[in-house]
Amino acid sequence: MTATRVREKEREREAGQVTFSFHSFHSWIENKPGRPLAAPIAIAPMAMMRLAHPDGELAMASAAARAGLPMVVSTMGTAALEDVADAAKAAAAAAGTATATPPLLFQLYVTRDRAFTASLVQRAEAAGFAAIVVTVDVPVLGKREADERLGFALPPGLRLANLEGLADDGDESAGSAAGGAAASTTASVATAASPGSRLAALFQRNIDASLTWTFVAWLRTVTRLPIWVKGVLAPDDALLALRAGVGGLIISNHGGRQLDGAPAAADCVRPIAAAVRRRIPVWVDGGVRRGADVLRALALGADGVLVGRPILYGLALGGVGGAGAALDLLTGELRRSMALAGCPTLADARRVVLLGPGETPEVSSRL
């Protein structure tokens, strides 16, 4: 048997034993040691998960912890961030991995009330979150016509738990302004006669539309946690973020619900990764539906992906079990895709060649 054939057989055997040895739990956040991630996948920040399932964010955090995957927790959650952290820790302990609970990251909308924003960040740090992820693509909320037409509001019994205490117009808490909170105001808010989306009104009144890169320096005065930004689509912005001292980037077009005609996140990975040159981690959010999509993102230069809707659908169908099943499907598909592409490890995924329409493979200069 020739040396070439021996190596081919070795690669075939390795391909059947795909290992995710790419990142530790904390190395992709702040260069801390930890056991390997189950996969280069994190749960994307999604608002109001209790609209999908009664256990909402608590069930999603439990599923992520059981799967050994990070989760980015939304400011606009229907469960308090401390309760989400407790759910993740309990699930990790039940799974026997309490000493290496997958990290939780807190997605932050910066409000005009900087004292309230600081308190949110400090709550996240006290609860054991690993990083702050600042969303930078929502100076105003995109026009969501269905929400405007239907007068979207949270139904009675639900509230934006992390926003309680944020002063809002009309002397209501922000939690109640979005459609639920104190029992005395829930019904009137949920059936408000005023037209339009209550969420859009909340953003208009409270989110700081004047945000600039100086916010990174300000955030450092209120937390020791690493600061990431989410919502970058251009290499120039990635370099500005790098210059501002952020710890990581998440390429995202906010699920395609902000600027009409914005590029797909996947189309922005290669130029941003080339500009950053691996000085900080670059993850991509949006459009991931199958395991092969994760492999494509890695081949383009991303360090990992954030996944939202597919896991939310699993949550809606089956709570913790449904979300966990969706994660299992995704990671299983990634393993199979890697094996079929000849990638025994995630590091090999970076050498996968992606072909566009009409393109054909070329002979590698390394051969």
Protein backbone atom coordinates (compact mmCIF):
# COMPACT_ATOMS: atom_id res chain seq x y z
CA MET A 1 0.00 0.00 0.00
CA THR A 2 1.42 3.40 -0.99
CA ALA A 3 2.07 6.15 1.53
CA THR A 4 -0.65 8.20 -0.12
CA ARG A 5 -3.20 5.40 0.30
CA VAL A 6 -2.15 4.89 3.92
CA ARG A 7 -2.84 8.55 4.61
CA GLU A 8 -6.18 8.30 2.81
CA LYS A 9 -7.18 5.40 5.05
CA GLU A 10 -6.09 7.34 8.14
CA ARG A 11 -8.24 10.29 7.09
CA GLU A 12 -11.21 7.99 6.46
CA ARG A 13 -10.86 6.60 9.97
CA GLU A 14 -10.44 10.07 11.47
CA ALA A 15 -13.47 11.37 9.58
CA GLY A 16 -15.62 8.85 11.43
CA GLN A 17 -14.37 10.27 14.73
CA VAL A 18 -14.94 13.98 14.25
CA THR A 19 -13.85 15.93 17.32
CA PHE A 20 -14.80 19.47 18.26
CA SER A 21 -11.50 20.59 19.75
CA PHE A 22 -11.63 24.11 18.35
CA HIS A 23 -12.47 26.28 21.34
CA SER A 24 -12.74 25.93 25.07
CA PHE A 25 -15.76 27.33 26.88
CA HIS A 26 -13.97 30.55 27.69
CA SER A 27 -11.07 30.84 25.23
CA TRP A 28 -13.36 32.36 22.62
CA ILE A 29 -14.47 34.97 25.13
CA GLU A 30 -11.43 35.94 27.18
CA ASN A 31 -8.69 33.33 26.81
CA LYS A 32 -9.60 31.38 29.92
CA PRO A 33 -9.13 27.62 30.11
CA GLY A 34 -12.09 25.29 30.01
CA ARG A 35 -13.28 22.05 28.51
CA PRO A 36 -14.06 22.07 24.78
CA LEU A 37 -17.34 23.41 23.48
CA ALA A 38 -19.71 20.74 22.29
CA ALA A 39 -19.77 22.57 18.94
CA PRO A 40 -18.99 26.04 17.55
CA ILE A 41 -22.62 26.99 18.07
CA ALA A 42 -24.29 29.41 20.49
CA ILE A 43 -27.93 30.27 21.09
CA ALA A 44 -28.66 33.68 19.59
CA PRO A 45 -30.34 36.34 21.73
CA MET A 46 -34.09 36.17 21.19
CA ALA A 47 -36.70 38.31 22.88
CA MET A 48 -39.81 37.20 24.71
CA MET A 49 -39.31 33.43 24.57
CA ARG A 50 -42.32 32.84 26.78
CA LEU A 51 -44.42 33.71 23.76
CA ALA A 52 -43.16 30.40 22.35
CA HIS A 53 -43.31 28.28 25.51
CA PRO A 54 -44.34 28.93 29.13
CA ASP A 55 -40.82 28.15 30.37
CA GLY A 56 -39.24 30.43 27.78
CA GLU A 57 -35.68 31.53 28.49
CA LEU A 58 -35.37 29.14 31.45
CA ALA A 59 -36.01 26.12 29.22
CA MET A 60 -33.69 27.43 26.51
CA ALA A 61 -30.86 27.98 28.99
CA SER A 62 -31.38 24.49 30.37
CA ALA A 63 -31.24 22.95 26.89
CA ALA A 64 -28.08 24.89 26.04
CA ALA A 65 -26.37 23.85 29.28
CA ARG A 66 -27.27 20.19 28.76
CA ALA A 67 -25.89 20.39 25.22
CA GLY A 68 -22.68 22.06 26.37
CA LEU A 69 -23.33 25.20 24.33
CA PRO A 70 -23.24 28.92 25.17
CA MET A 71 -26.33 31.11 25.15
CA VAL A 72 -26.67 34.84 24.59
CA VAL A 73 -29.50 36.10 26.79
CA SER A 74 -31.62 39.00 25.51
CA THR A 75 -32.28 42.22 27.38
CA MET A 76 -35.86 41.81 26.14
CA GLY A 77 -36.37 38.49 27.87
CA THR A 78 -39.49 37.42 29.69
CA ALA A 79 -37.43 35.88 32.49
CA ALA A 80 -35.00 37.76 34.72
CA LEU A 81 -31.37 37.26 33.81
CA GLU A 82 -30.58 35.92 37.30
CA ASP A 83 -33.27 33.24 36.89
CA VAL A 84 -31.83 32.27 33.51
CA ALA A 85 -28.38 31.88 35.07
CA ASP A 86 -29.80 29.73 37.85
CA ALA A 87 -31.60 27.51 35.32
CA ALA A 88 -28.38 26.97 33.34
CA LYS A 89 -26.42 26.09 36.46
CA ALA A 90 -29.09 23.65 37.64
CA ALA A 91 -29.21 21.94 34.25
CA ALA A 92 -25.42 21.65 34.11
CA ALA A 93 -25.36 20.20 37.62
CA ALA A 94 -28.04 17.66 36.71
CA ALA A 95 -26.00 16.68 33.66
CA GLY A 96 -22.88 16.28 35.78
CA THR A 97 -21.04 19.26 34.25
CA ALA A 98 -21.54 21.88 36.95
CA THR A 99 -17.79 22.59 37.13
CA ALA A 100 -17.83 23.61 33.45
CA THR A 101 -21.22 25.23 32.88
CA PRO A 102 -21.36 26.63 29.34
CA PRO A 103 -21.02 30.41 29.41
CA LEU A 104 -23.95 32.76 29.33
CA LEU A 105 -23.49 36.10 27.60
CA PHE A 106 -25.77 39.06 28.15
CA GLN A 107 -27.06 40.92 25.08
CA LEU A 108 -27.39 44.59 25.96
CA TYR A 109 -29.50 47.37 24.51
CA VAL A 110 -28.02 50.64 25.72
CA THR A 111 -30.78 52.86 27.09
CA ARG A 112 -30.80 56.61 27.45
CA ASP A 113 -30.82 56.04 31.18
CA ARG A 114 -27.16 55.13 31.62
CA ALA A 115 -27.61 54.42 35.32
CA PHE A 116 -30.20 51.77 34.46
CA THR A 117 -27.94 50.34 31.73
CA ALA A 118 -25.07 50.16 34.22
CA SER A 119 -27.29 48.33 36.70
CA LEU A 120 -28.24 45.75 34.07
CA VAL A 121 -24.60 45.10 33.22
CA GLN A 122 -23.65 44.79 36.87
CA ARG A 123 -26.52 42.39 37.49
CA ALA A 124 -25.24 40.21 34.66
CA GLU A 125 -21.72 40.25 36.07
CA ALA A 126 -22.98 39.38 39.55
CA ALA A 127 -25.04 36.50 38.12
CA GLY A 128 -21.95 34.94 36.55
CA PHE A 129 -22.36 35.94 32.93
CA ALA A 130 -19.15 35.67 30.90
CA ALA A 131 -19.41 38.69 28.59
CA ILE A 132 -21.56 41.62 27.52
CA VAL A 133 -22.77 41.63 23.90
CA VAL A 134 -23.87 45.11 22.84
CA THR A 135 -26.31 45.27 19.93
CA VAL A 136 -25.26 48.15 17.69
CA ASP A 137 -27.68 47.86 14.75
CA VAL A 138 -30.83 49.16 16.44
CA PRO A 139 -30.62 52.95 16.83
CA VAL A 140 -34.31 52.70 15.94
CA LEU A 141 -36.42 49.60 15.56
CA GLY A 142 -36.98 48.48 11.98
CA LYS A 143 -40.49 49.02 10.69
CA ARG A 144 -42.30 45.78 11.38
CA GLU A 145 -45.54 46.37 9.57
CA ALA A 146 -47.40 43.35 10.91
CA ASP A 147 -46.62 44.41 14.50
CA GLU A 148 -47.79 47.94 13.74
CA ARG A 149 -50.97 46.76 12.05
CA LEU A 150 -51.85 44.31 14.82
CA GLY A 151 -50.84 46.62 17.67
CA PHE A 152 -48.36 44.13 19.10
CA ALA A 153 -48.18 43.91 22.89
CA LEU A 154 -47.28 41.17 25.33
CA PRO A 155 -50.34 39.26 26.53
CA PRO A 156 -51.48 39.43 30.16
CA GLY A 157 -49.13 37.61 32.51
CA LEU A 158 -45.95 38.26 30.54
CA ARG A 159 -43.46 41.06 31.11
CA LEU A 160 -40.03 42.20 30.04
CA ALA A 161 -38.49 41.07 33.29
CA ASN A 162 -35.10 42.75 32.86
CA LEU A 163 -36.59 46.18 32.22
CA GLU A 164 -38.55 46.58 35.41
CA GLY A 165 -37.51 49.83 37.02
CA LEU A 166 -36.72 51.58 33.74
CA ALA A 167 -38.64 54.84 33.76
CA ASP A 168 -41.00 55.12 30.80
CA ASP A 169 -43.38 57.76 29.55
CA GLY A 170 -46.63 57.86 31.46
CA ASP A 171 -44.98 56.75 34.74
CA GLU A 172 -45.22 53.10 33.71
CA SER A 173 -42.33 50.69 34.00
CA ALA A 174 -40.85 49.61 30.68
CA GLY A 175 -41.95 46.09 31.46
CA SER A 176 -45.59 47.12 31.61
CA ALA A 177 -45.28 49.45 28.65
CA ALA A 178 -44.42 46.45 26.51
CA GLY A 179 -47.60 44.74 27.50
CA GLY A 180 -47.45 43.06 30.85
CA ALA A 181 -46.34 43.74 34.42
CA ALA A 182 -48.37 44.75 37.42
CA ALA A 183 -51.74 43.09 37.47
CA SER A 184 -53.46 46.48 37.77
CA THR A 185 -52.09 47.67 34.40
CA THR A 186 -51.73 44.50 32.39
CA ALA A 187 -55.23 44.41 30.91
CA SER A 188 -55.29 48.06 29.91
CA VAL A 189 -51.84 47.88 28.31
CA ALA A 190 -52.48 44.62 26.49
CA THR A 191 -55.67 45.99 24.97
CA ALA A 192 -54.41 49.52 24.49
CA ALA A 193 -56.53 51.62 22.16
CA SER A 194 -53.50 53.51 20.78
CA PRO A 195 -52.43 52.18 17.36
CA GLY A 196 -49.06 50.68 16.55
CA SER A 197 -46.59 48.32 18.17
CA ARG A 198 -46.01 48.75 21.88
CA LEU A 199 -42.49 47.36 21.41
CA ALA A 200 -41.68 49.98 18.78
CA ALA A 201 -42.90 52.69 21.13
CA LEU A 202 -40.75 51.28 23.92
CA PHE A 203 -37.65 51.41 21.72
CA GLN A 204 -38.41 54.91 20.53
CA ARG A 205 -38.70 56.22 24.07
CA ASN A 206 -35.83 54.38 25.72
CA ILE A 207 -33.07 53.13 23.39
CA ASP A 208 -30.09 55.44 22.95
CA ALA A 209 -29.97 56.27 19.23
CA SER A 210 -26.86 58.45 19.66
CA LEU A 211 -24.56 55.54 20.52
CA THR A 212 -20.95 55.87 19.28
CA TRP A 213 -17.79 53.81 19.81
CA THR A 214 -17.09 55.79 22.97
CA PHE A 215 -19.62 53.56 24.71
CA VAL A 216 -16.95 50.82 24.92
CA ALA A 217 -14.78 52.98 27.18
CA TRP A 218 -17.82 53.91 29.25
CA LEU A 219 -18.85 50.27 29.68
CA ARG A 220 -15.38 49.45 30.96
CA THR A 221 -16.01 51.83 33.84
CA VAL A 222 -18.96 49.76 35.04
CA THR A 223 -17.86 46.15 34.37
CA ARG A 224 -14.80 43.93 34.16
CA LEU A 225 -16.48 41.59 31.68
CA PRO A 226 -15.29 41.34 28.06
CA ILE A 227 -17.33 43.52 25.70
CA TRP A 228 -18.51 42.16 22.34
CA VAL A 229 -20.56 43.94 19.68
CA LYS A 230 -23.32 42.42 17.58
CA GLY A 231 -24.64 43.86 14.34
CA VAL A 232 -21.48 44.59 12.34
CA LEU A 233 -21.67 44.02 8.56
CA ALA A 234 -18.77 46.05 7.14
CA PRO A 235 -14.99 45.52 7.45
CA ASP A 236 -14.51 49.22 8.29
CA ASP A 237 -16.86 48.92 11.24
CA ALA A 238 -15.07 45.76 12.34
CA LEU A 239 -11.78 47.66 12.39
CA LEU A 240 -13.36 50.53 14.32
CA ALA A 241 -14.64 48.01 16.86
CA LEU A 242 -11.18 46.50 17.09
CA ARG A 243 -9.68 49.95 17.62
CA ALA A 244 -12.23 50.63 20.36
CA GLY A 245 -11.00 47.55 22.17
CA VAL A 246 -13.93 45.14 21.88
CA GLY A 247 -13.28 41.51 22.72
CA GLY A 248 -15.22 39.97 19.85
CA LEU A 249 -17.57 40.58 16.93
CA ILE A 250 -20.87 39.06 15.91
CA ILE A 251 -21.72 39.62 12.26
CA SER A 252 -25.49 40.04 12.03
CA ASN A 253 -28.27 41.79 10.10
CA HIS A 254 -30.68 41.28 13.01
CA GLY A 255 -32.55 38.46 11.31
CA GLY A 256 -33.20 40.64 8.26
CA ARG A 257 -35.70 42.71 10.26
CA GLN A 258 -33.86 46.02 10.46
CA LEU A 259 -32.59 47.61 7.22
CA ASP A 260 -34.34 46.46 4.05
CA GLY A 261 -31.79 45.31 1.51
CA ALA A 262 -28.99 44.78 4.02
CA PRO A 263 -26.55 42.05 2.96
CA ALA A 264 -26.87 38.54 4.29
CA ALA A 265 -24.61 37.97 7.27
CA ALA A 266 -22.87 35.08 5.52
CA ASP A 267 -21.81 37.36 2.67
CA CYS A 268 -20.00 39.60 5.15
CA VAL A 269 -17.95 36.93 6.91
CA ARG A 270 -15.03 36.60 4.51
CA PRO A 271 -14.19 40.33 4.18
CA ILE A 272 -14.60 40.96 7.91
CA ALA A 273 -12.52 37.92 8.87
CA ALA A 274 -9.82 39.08 6.45
CA ALA A 275 -9.81 42.57 7.99
CA VAL A 276 -9.72 41.33 11.59
CA ARG A 277 -7.01 38.70 10.90
CA ARG A 278 -7.95 36.59 13.92
CA ARG A 279 -7.00 39.29 16.41
CA ILE A 280 -10.40 38.80 18.07
CA PRO A 281 -13.08 36.12 17.60
CA VAL A 282 -15.60 36.62 14.80
CA TRP A 283 -18.93 34.81 15.01
CA VAL A 284 -21.83 35.06 12.60
CA ASP A 285 -25.55 35.22 13.38
CA GLY A 286 -28.38 34.58 10.95
CA GLY A 287 -29.42 32.14 8.26
CA VAL A 288 -28.10 28.98 9.93
CA ARG A 289 -30.64 26.23 9.44
CA ARG A 290 -28.59 23.04 8.96
CA GLY A 291 -25.26 21.66 10.11
CA ALA A 292 -23.80 22.26 6.66
CA ASP A 293 -24.47 25.98 7.18
CA VAL A 294 -22.20 25.89 10.24
CA LEU A 295 -19.46 24.25 8.19
CA ARG A 296 -19.84 26.89 5.48
CA ALA A 297 -19.52 29.67 8.05
CA LEU A 298 -16.30 28.16 9.41
CA ALA A 299 -14.95 27.78 5.87
CA LEU A 300 -15.66 31.47 5.25
CA GLY A 301 -13.55 32.39 8.28
CA ALA A 302 -16.00 32.58 11.19
CA ASP A 303 -15.06 31.13 14.57
CA GLY A 304 -18.62 29.99 15.22
CA VAL A 305 -22.29 30.69 14.63
CA LEU A 306 -25.30 31.89 16.57
CA VAL A 307 -28.56 30.08 15.89
CA GLY A 308 -32.02 31.39 16.70
CA ARG A 309 -35.21 30.38 14.92
CA PRO A 310 -34.60 26.61 14.51
CA ILE A 311 -33.97 26.20 18.22
CA LEU A 312 -36.89 28.49 19.09
CA TYR A 313 -39.16 26.27 16.98
CA GLY A 314 -37.92 23.28 18.97
CA LEU A 315 -38.66 25.13 22.20
CA ALA A 316 -42.19 25.93 21.03
CA LEU A 317 -42.86 22.30 20.16
CA GLY A 318 -41.35 20.62 23.19
CA GLY A 319 -39.85 22.95 25.77
CA VAL A 320 -36.43 21.87 27.06
CA GLY A 321 -36.62 18.58 25.21
CA GLY A 322 -37.65 20.19 21.94
CA ALA A 323 -34.87 22.78 22.07
CA GLY A 324 -32.39 20.07 23.01
CA ALA A 325 -33.53 17.86 20.14
CA ALA A 326 -33.05 20.74 17.69
CA LEU A 327 -29.52 21.31 19.03
CA ASP A 328 -28.75 17.61 18.74
CA LEU A 329 -29.94 17.59 15.14
CA LEU A 330 -27.80 20.60 14.30
CA THR A 331 -24.61 19.29 15.90
CA GLY A 332 -25.20 15.84 14.40
CA GLU A 333 -25.57 17.35 10.95
CA LEU A 334 -22.38 19.32 11.47
CA ARG A 335 -20.47 16.17 12.37
CA ARG A 336 -21.79 14.38 9.29
CA SER A 337 -21.04 17.33 7.02
CA MET A 338 -17.50 17.51 8.38
CA ALA A 339 -16.96 13.81 7.86
CA LEU A 340 -18.24 13.98 4.27
CA ALA A 341 -16.03 17.01 3.60
CA GLY A 342 -12.97 15.23 4.97
CA CYS A 343 -12.63 17.40 8.09
CA PRO A 344 -11.67 15.35 11.17
CA THR A 345 -11.39 18.49 13.31
CA LEU A 346 -12.87 21.96 13.23
CA ALA A 347 -9.48 23.41 12.37
CA ASP A 348 -9.69 21.46 9.09
CA ALA A 349 -12.99 23.19 8.30
CA ARG A 350 -11.09 26.39 7.52
CA ARG A 351 -9.52 24.61 4.55
CA VAL A 352 -12.84 23.67 2.98
CA VAL A 353 -13.20 25.28 -0.46
CA LEU A 354 -16.58 26.88 -1.17
CA LEU A 355 -17.59 27.06 -4.82
CA GLY A 356 -19.98 29.58 -6.30
CA PRO A 357 -22.32 28.98 -9.27
CA GLY A 358 -20.34 27.81 -12.28
CA GLU A 359 -17.06 27.43 -10.35
CA THR A 360 -15.03 24.23 -10.42
CA PRO A 361 -12.30 23.03 -8.05
CA GLU A 362 -8.72 23.97 -8.85
CA VAL A 363 -5.52 22.07 -8.10
CA SER A 364 -4.12 23.22 -4.77
CA SER A 365 -0.72 24.88 -4.87
CA ARG A 366 0.19 22.74 -1.86
CA LEU A 367 0.13 19.52 -3.92
